[in-house]
Protein backbone atom coordinates (compact mmCIF):
# COMPACT_ATOMS: atom_id res chain seq x y z
CA MET A 1 57.09 -41.68 -37.65
CA PRO A 2 56.29 -38.40 -37.47
CA LYS A 3 53.04 -36.72 -35.57
CA LYS A 4 50.77 -35.72 -38.49
CA GLN A 5 51.00 -31.86 -38.64
CA ARG A 6 47.86 -29.47 -39.02
CA ILE A 7 49.48 -26.52 -41.78
CA ALA A 8 48.56 -23.31 -42.66
CA ILE A 9 49.71 -21.34 -45.51
CA VAL A 10 49.84 -17.45 -45.81
CA GLY A 11 49.79 -16.89 -49.57
CA ALA A 12 48.03 -19.95 -50.35
CA THR A 13 47.38 -18.74 -53.55
CA GLY A 14 51.14 -17.11 -54.61
CA ALA A 15 53.71 -18.93 -56.87
CA VAL A 16 55.79 -20.13 -52.90
CA GLY A 17 51.78 -20.71 -51.33
CA GLU A 18 51.70 -23.25 -54.56
CA GLU A 19 54.66 -24.58 -54.31
CA ILE A 20 55.08 -25.56 -50.92
CA LEU A 21 52.20 -27.37 -51.56
CA ASN A 22 53.89 -29.71 -53.81
CA VAL A 23 56.74 -29.88 -51.76
CA LEU A 24 55.43 -31.05 -48.53
CA ASP A 25 54.16 -34.14 -50.65
CA GLU A 26 57.06 -34.62 -52.37
CA LEU A 27 58.87 -34.75 -49.34
CA ASP A 28 56.59 -36.76 -47.77
CA PHE A 29 55.82 -34.35 -45.34
CA PRO A 30 53.48 -35.56 -42.49
CA VAL A 31 50.31 -33.53 -42.59
CA GLU A 32 46.48 -33.61 -40.89
CA ASN A 33 45.28 -31.26 -43.28
CA ILE A 34 45.81 -27.85 -44.70
CA LEU A 35 44.20 -24.50 -43.80
CA PRO A 36 45.22 -22.14 -46.98
CA LEU A 37 44.68 -18.14 -46.53
CA ALA A 38 44.89 -15.48 -48.39
CA SER A 39 43.30 -12.22 -49.30
CA ALA A 40 39.70 -11.50 -49.29
CA LYS A 41 39.72 -12.22 -53.32
CA SER A 42 41.28 -15.04 -53.51
CA VAL A 43 37.94 -16.52 -50.81
CA GLY A 44 36.33 -19.10 -52.32
CA ASN A 45 39.39 -20.74 -54.18
CA GLU A 46 40.23 -24.22 -53.53
CA VAL A 47 43.80 -25.78 -53.68
CA GLU A 48 44.83 -29.68 -54.10
CA PHE A 49 46.81 -31.72 -51.62
CA ARG A 50 46.97 -35.01 -52.05
CA GLN A 51 44.24 -35.88 -53.91
CA LYS A 52 41.69 -33.40 -51.36
CA TYR A 53 40.52 -30.26 -51.90
CA TYR A 54 40.84 -27.46 -49.34
CA LYS A 55 38.65 -24.05 -49.96
CA VAL A 56 40.67 -21.02 -49.31
CA GLN A 57 40.05 -18.83 -46.45
CA GLU A 58 40.89 -15.13 -45.64
CA LEU A 59 43.53 -14.46 -43.40
CA ASN A 60 42.29 -12.28 -40.17
CA GLU A 61 43.58 -12.16 -36.90
CA GLU A 62 40.94 -14.94 -35.69
CA VAL A 63 41.74 -17.21 -37.82
CA PHE A 64 45.04 -18.90 -35.48
CA LYS A 65 42.44 -18.71 -32.57
CA ASN A 66 40.39 -20.53 -34.58
CA ASN A 67 42.26 -23.56 -35.56
CA LYS A 68 44.80 -25.09 -33.64
CA ILE A 69 47.94 -24.75 -36.28
CA ASP A 70 51.53 -26.68 -35.89
CA ILE A 71 52.71 -24.85 -38.87
CA ALA A 72 52.61 -21.68 -40.17
CA PHE A 73 54.09 -20.91 -43.21
CA PHE A 74 54.09 -17.26 -44.38
CA SER A 75 54.62 -16.62 -48.20
CA ALA A 76 52.50 -13.15 -48.63
CA GLY A 77 54.55 -10.00 -47.60
CA SER A 78 56.74 -8.23 -45.50
CA GLU A 79 53.69 -6.08 -44.25
CA ILE A 80 51.34 -9.57 -43.44
CA SER A 81 54.10 -11.35 -42.14
CA LYS A 82 54.47 -8.18 -39.67
CA LYS A 83 50.85 -8.10 -38.92
CA TYR A 84 50.02 -11.60 -38.27
CA ALA A 85 52.65 -14.03 -37.71
CA LYS A 86 53.39 -12.90 -34.02
CA ILE A 87 49.88 -13.80 -33.66
CA ALA A 88 50.25 -17.20 -35.42
CA ALA A 89 53.25 -17.94 -32.84
CA LYS A 90 51.12 -16.94 -29.47
CA ASN A 91 48.95 -19.72 -30.81
CA LYS A 92 51.84 -21.93 -30.75
CA ALA A 93 52.13 -22.06 -34.16
CA LEU A 94 55.83 -22.84 -35.12
CA VAL A 95 55.68 -19.44 -38.32
CA ILE A 96 58.30 -20.52 -40.40
CA ASP A 97 58.58 -17.33 -42.76
CA ASN A 98 59.51 -16.59 -45.88
CA THR A 99 59.55 -13.10 -45.88
CA SER A 100 62.44 -10.37 -44.92
CA TYR A 101 60.93 -9.07 -42.35
CA PHE A 102 62.69 -11.21 -39.14
CA ARG A 103 65.38 -12.00 -40.74
CA MET A 104 68.11 -9.45 -38.93
CA ASP A 105 65.69 -9.77 -35.93
CA GLU A 106 68.55 -11.15 -33.29
CA ASP A 107 66.10 -12.78 -31.73
CA ILE A 108 64.73 -14.67 -34.57
CA PRO A 109 66.82 -17.98 -36.26
CA LEU A 110 67.52 -17.61 -39.82
CA VAL A 111 68.42 -21.26 -41.43
CA VAL A 112 69.58 -23.63 -44.38
CA PRO A 113 69.01 -26.33 -42.89
CA GLU A 114 72.65 -27.77 -44.61
CA CYS A 115 74.16 -24.59 -43.30
CA ASN A 116 73.06 -24.43 -39.92
CA SER A 117 70.01 -26.58 -38.49
CA GLU A 118 71.28 -26.16 -34.70
CA ASP A 119 69.78 -22.75 -35.19
CA ILE A 120 66.75 -24.00 -35.29
CA LYS A 121 66.51 -24.96 -31.94
CA LEU A 122 65.72 -20.62 -30.70
CA TYR A 123 63.02 -20.70 -32.50
CA LYS A 124 61.39 -21.36 -28.82
CA LYS A 125 62.20 -17.48 -28.37
CA THR A 126 59.77 -16.64 -30.73
CA GLY A 127 58.13 -18.98 -31.85
CA ILE A 128 59.48 -17.90 -35.46
CA ILE A 129 61.81 -18.87 -37.54
CA ALA A 130 63.10 -16.52 -40.50
CA ASN A 131 63.68 -18.14 -44.43
CA PRO A 132 66.21 -16.23 -46.05
CA ASN A 133 66.36 -14.62 -49.48
CA CYS A 134 66.78 -16.75 -52.83
CA SER A 135 70.33 -15.54 -53.63
CA THR A 136 71.62 -15.89 -50.49
CA ILE A 137 70.33 -19.55 -49.71
CA GLN A 138 71.33 -20.96 -52.96
CA MET A 139 75.07 -19.40 -52.13
CA VAL A 140 75.32 -20.67 -48.60
CA HIS A 141 74.95 -24.25 -50.35
CA ILE A 142 78.06 -24.15 -51.80
CA LEU A 143 79.44 -21.47 -49.35
CA LYS A 144 79.33 -23.69 -46.14
CA PRO A 145 81.07 -26.59 -47.44
CA LEU A 146 84.26 -25.25 -48.58
CA ASP A 147 84.25 -22.70 -45.96
CA ASP A 148 84.79 -25.76 -43.54
CA ILE A 149 87.98 -26.79 -44.92
CA PHE A 150 89.52 -24.10 -46.69
CA ASP A 151 88.55 -20.16 -44.50
CA LEU A 152 86.29 -18.44 -46.55
CA GLN A 153 87.63 -14.91 -46.36
CA ARG A 154 85.37 -12.74 -49.52
CA VAL A 155 83.05 -13.36 -51.18
CA ASP A 156 82.07 -11.25 -54.62
CA VAL A 157 78.81 -12.51 -55.95
CA SER A 158 77.01 -11.21 -59.43
CA THR A 159 73.42 -12.75 -59.41
CA TYR A 160 71.07 -13.70 -62.81
CA GLN A 161 67.62 -12.94 -60.90
CA ALA A 162 64.53 -14.63 -63.01
CA ALA A 163 61.53 -13.00 -63.32
CA SER A 164 59.97 -15.19 -61.30
CA GLY A 165 61.62 -13.34 -58.05
CA ALA A 166 59.15 -10.78 -58.40
CA GLY A 167 56.33 -13.64 -57.67
CA LYS A 168 53.78 -14.60 -60.74
CA GLU A 169 53.13 -11.37 -61.60
CA GLY A 170 56.92 -10.66 -62.40
CA MET A 171 57.06 -13.90 -65.03
CA LYS A 172 53.76 -12.61 -66.55
CA GLU A 173 55.13 -9.41 -67.48
CA LEU A 174 57.69 -11.22 -68.72
CA VAL A 175 55.73 -13.26 -71.32
CA GLU A 176 53.38 -10.77 -71.99
CA ALA A 177 56.26 -8.20 -72.88
CA MET A 178 57.40 -11.33 -75.02
CA GLN A 179 54.85 -11.59 -76.92
CA SER A 180 54.67 -7.86 -77.92
CA PHE A 181 58.32 -8.66 -79.29
CA PHE A 182 57.12 -10.96 -81.55
CA ALA A 183 54.12 -8.22 -82.64
CA PHE A 184 56.60 -5.99 -83.37
CA LYS A 185 55.04 -3.52 -80.42
CA LEU A 186 57.91 -3.75 -77.48
CA ASP A 187 57.81 0.00 -78.07
CA GLU A 188 54.75 0.17 -76.86
CA PHE A 189 55.49 -2.16 -73.82
CA GLN A 190 54.69 -0.64 -70.90
CA SER A 191 56.12 -2.61 -67.80
CA LYS A 192 54.44 -2.05 -64.06
CA THR A 193 56.67 -5.11 -62.19
CA PHE A 194 60.14 -4.12 -63.17
CA PRO A 195 61.28 -0.69 -63.66
CA TYR A 196 62.02 -1.29 -67.26
CA THR A 197 60.64 -3.82 -70.06
CA LEU A 198 62.81 -7.87 -69.35
CA ALA A 199 62.18 -8.87 -72.49
CA LEU A 200 65.66 -8.91 -74.23
CA ASN A 201 67.03 -7.12 -71.52
CA LEU A 202 68.95 -7.42 -68.30
CA ILE A 203 68.26 -4.96 -65.68
CA PRO A 204 71.09 -4.36 -62.60
CA GLN A 205 68.69 -3.30 -60.25
CA ILE A 206 66.85 -5.71 -57.75
CA ASP A 207 64.97 -3.73 -55.26
CA GLU A 208 65.66 -0.43 -53.89
CA PHE A 209 68.64 1.65 -54.06
CA VAL A 210 70.01 2.63 -50.36
CA ASP A 211 72.79 5.45 -49.87
CA ASN A 212 76.36 3.27 -50.31
CA GLY A 213 74.81 2.93 -53.65
CA TYR A 214 74.00 -0.74 -52.96
CA THR A 215 70.37 -2.38 -53.62
CA LYS A 216 68.04 -3.83 -50.80
CA GLU A 217 68.76 -6.71 -52.17
CA GLU A 218 72.11 -7.18 -52.63
CA LEU A 219 72.48 -5.89 -48.70
CA LYS A 220 70.15 -8.73 -48.32
CA MET A 221 72.64 -11.16 -49.42
CA ILE A 222 75.51 -9.57 -47.24
CA ASN A 223 73.98 -9.48 -44.56
CA GLU A 224 72.01 -12.61 -43.93
CA THR A 225 74.48 -14.88 -45.16
CA GLN A 226 76.78 -13.59 -41.86
CA LYS A 227 74.34 -14.14 -39.89
CA ILE A 228 73.58 -17.98 -41.45
CA LEU A 229 77.73 -18.63 -41.34
CA HIS A 230 78.17 -17.06 -38.04
CA LYS A 231 80.92 -15.50 -39.33
CA LYS A 232 81.52 -11.93 -40.64
CA ILE A 233 83.04 -12.56 -44.58
CA ASP A 234 83.72 -9.82 -46.69
CA ILE A 235 81.16 -9.51 -49.17
CA SER A 236 79.94 -7.96 -52.64
CA ALA A 237 77.44 -8.08 -53.66
CA THR A 238 75.23 -6.80 -57.56
CA CYS A 239 72.07 -8.23 -57.89
CA VAL A 240 70.98 -7.99 -61.93
CA ARG A 241 67.29 -9.41 -62.90
CA VAL A 242 67.13 -11.03 -66.58
CA PRO A 243 65.15 -12.78 -69.27
CA VAL A 244 64.61 -16.02 -67.46
CA LEU A 245 61.64 -17.01 -66.68
CA ARG A 246 62.96 -19.78 -63.49
CA SER A 247 66.38 -20.22 -61.82
CA HIS A 248 68.37 -17.76 -60.17
CA SER A 249 71.59 -18.07 -61.16
CA GLU A 250 75.06 -16.69 -59.53
CA SER A 251 79.08 -15.96 -60.56
CA LEU A 252 80.53 -16.46 -57.73
CA THR A 253 84.53 -15.47 -56.53
CA LEU A 254 85.86 -16.55 -53.26
CA HIS A 255 88.79 -15.96 -51.29
CA PHE A 256 89.88 -18.36 -49.01
CA LYS A 257 92.56 -18.13 -45.98
CA ASN A 258 94.18 -21.57 -47.33
CA GLU A 259 95.22 -22.67 -50.66
CA VAL A 260 92.39 -23.91 -53.07
CA SER A 261 92.97 -26.74 -55.39
CA ALA A 262 89.74 -26.81 -58.03
CA ASN A 263 89.33 -31.00 -57.67
CA LYS A 264 89.26 -30.71 -54.26
CA ALA A 265 86.70 -27.93 -53.95
CA LYS A 266 84.68 -30.49 -56.55
CA GLU A 267 84.98 -33.33 -54.62
CA ILE A 268 83.69 -30.88 -51.75
CA LEU A 269 80.44 -30.08 -53.75
CA LYS A 270 79.63 -33.93 -55.00
CA ASN A 271 79.22 -34.49 -51.47
CA ALA A 272 78.00 -31.56 -50.34
CA PRO A 273 74.06 -31.97 -49.12
CA SER A 274 71.39 -30.19 -51.12
CA VAL A 275 74.18 -29.36 -53.93
CA VAL A 276 74.53 -31.69 -57.12
CA LEU A 277 77.56 -31.19 -59.19
CA ILE A 278 77.49 -30.57 -63.28
CA ASP A 279 81.27 -29.74 -64.19
CA ASP A 280 82.15 -31.20 -67.65
CA ILE A 281 84.07 -28.68 -69.71
CA LYS A 282 85.03 -31.04 -72.90
CA ASN A 283 81.62 -32.00 -73.24
CA LYS A 284 79.67 -28.14 -72.87
CA LYS A 285 77.96 -29.72 -69.32
CA TYR A 286 77.22 -26.85 -66.44
CA PRO A 287 74.21 -25.66 -64.51
CA MET A 288 71.86 -23.70 -66.70
CA PRO A 289 68.11 -22.15 -65.56
CA LEU A 290 66.49 -24.73 -68.58
CA PHE A 291 66.64 -27.70 -66.84
CA THR A 292 67.17 -27.02 -62.77
CA SER A 293 63.45 -25.70 -62.78
CA ASP A 294 61.43 -27.90 -60.32
CA THR A 295 64.28 -29.13 -59.01
CA ASN A 296 65.00 -28.72 -55.04
CA GLU A 297 69.14 -28.92 -55.19
CA THR A 298 71.57 -26.23 -55.64
CA TYR A 299 73.73 -27.00 -59.04
CA VAL A 300 77.24 -25.86 -59.40
CA GLY A 301 79.79 -25.96 -62.20
CA ARG A 302 82.57 -24.03 -63.85
CA ILE A 303 85.22 -24.26 -60.92
CA ARG A 304 88.09 -23.09 -61.72
CA GLU A 305 90.93 -21.65 -59.44
CA ASP A 306 92.13 -18.29 -60.16
CA ILE A 307 95.08 -17.37 -62.63
CA ASN A 308 96.94 -15.42 -59.94
CA HIS A 309 96.35 -16.39 -56.89
CA LYS A 310 96.10 -19.83 -55.21
CA ASN A 311 93.72 -18.99 -52.50
CA ILE A 312 91.32 -17.10 -54.69
CA LEU A 313 88.33 -20.27 -56.75
CA HIS A 314 85.64 -19.03 -59.06
CA LEU A 315 82.29 -20.84 -60.09
CA TRP A 316 78.74 -20.48 -60.80
CA CYS A 317 75.36 -21.79 -59.59
CA VAL A 318 72.18 -22.59 -60.58
CA ALA A 319 69.13 -22.93 -58.40
CA ASP A 320 65.41 -22.54 -58.76
CA GLN A 321 64.91 -19.63 -56.15
CA ILE A 322 60.80 -20.81 -55.64
CA ARG A 323 61.88 -24.42 -55.01
CA VAL A 324 65.26 -23.93 -53.08
CA GLY A 325 64.83 -20.47 -52.19
CA ALA A 326 62.14 -20.58 -51.40
CA ALA A 327 59.25 -23.56 -50.37
CA THR A 328 62.02 -26.39 -50.31
CA ASN A 329 64.51 -24.60 -47.60
CA ALA A 330 60.77 -23.48 -45.40
CA VAL A 331 59.94 -27.28 -46.05
CA ARG A 332 63.22 -28.69 -44.88
CA ILE A 333 63.61 -25.93 -41.82
CA ALA A 334 59.94 -28.00 -41.27
CA GLN A 335 61.62 -31.20 -41.08
CA LYS A 336 64.36 -30.14 -39.26
CA TYR A 337 62.06 -29.07 -36.54
CA LEU A 338 60.11 -32.03 -35.81
CA GLU A 339 63.46 -33.84 -36.00
CA LEU A 340 64.32 -31.88 -33.18
CA THR A 341 61.89 -31.62 -31.43
CA LYS A 342 60.21 -35.48 -31.21
């Protein structure tokens, strides 16, 4: 039985922080106690874990010196991770960082346990492990097992990303916009979280644009996938915000060196870790956000061979990005870390 861990959660009152608590419980992670950390405005609030209540404390430079922490989950934004993650690591906590700040640092492993769990061992250099972007995680769940068999050469991906990718504020804004619509006042609604009103709309921009016309979100998917798979695959991404509360969807076109078979691909993905195959078009069964929310797996379907080329495959995948794309992956990193270091 692994030793019980003293856990800190930075950003404990946010959407991902709250979900980390749920996933720690569901996956029966060995926890001795919880230290919930947040900004001053959340101090005094309580979080519940396994029928115990823990008071939220303010994050500051002293908190990791004054509390013995084994694992610290960071989910409070890049600037917070930049300022405090190395302090936590210096005080002997393993930091699992959910932000983008450390992902492309060559000294810090970027890990999806189902794909590159061996990289966890590289944590010793800095004491930090980076959690990839939510859209990247569900995509590499699909790419890795197919690459192992067919030798992946290129990926073209379009994402359909839920409002909750922008956190609690994103979900709140979509709900309020829909309420405005039903009150016949949508034309008066002022969006703050998104560049345009998301209700009844699609926004082909997530994060800021850079000089080459891609957004930072799209470049994250490109660069992170190559780092995780240790392979220079050609990748192009188009990321779109859609009026869905929870669970990101992706349409993937995959080019392989070798000839591919849809039936073989289905068999591979059916047996892949953390992947659920739902592909029964005769009965209109395929993955959708509506029933993948609050789950810990990536769902895949609509798998089909390209009409013109025998080495190209098309498919559709959906996953709850707060869980699969953040909290669940972070906890699975922690689980694997305990296995490798016991």
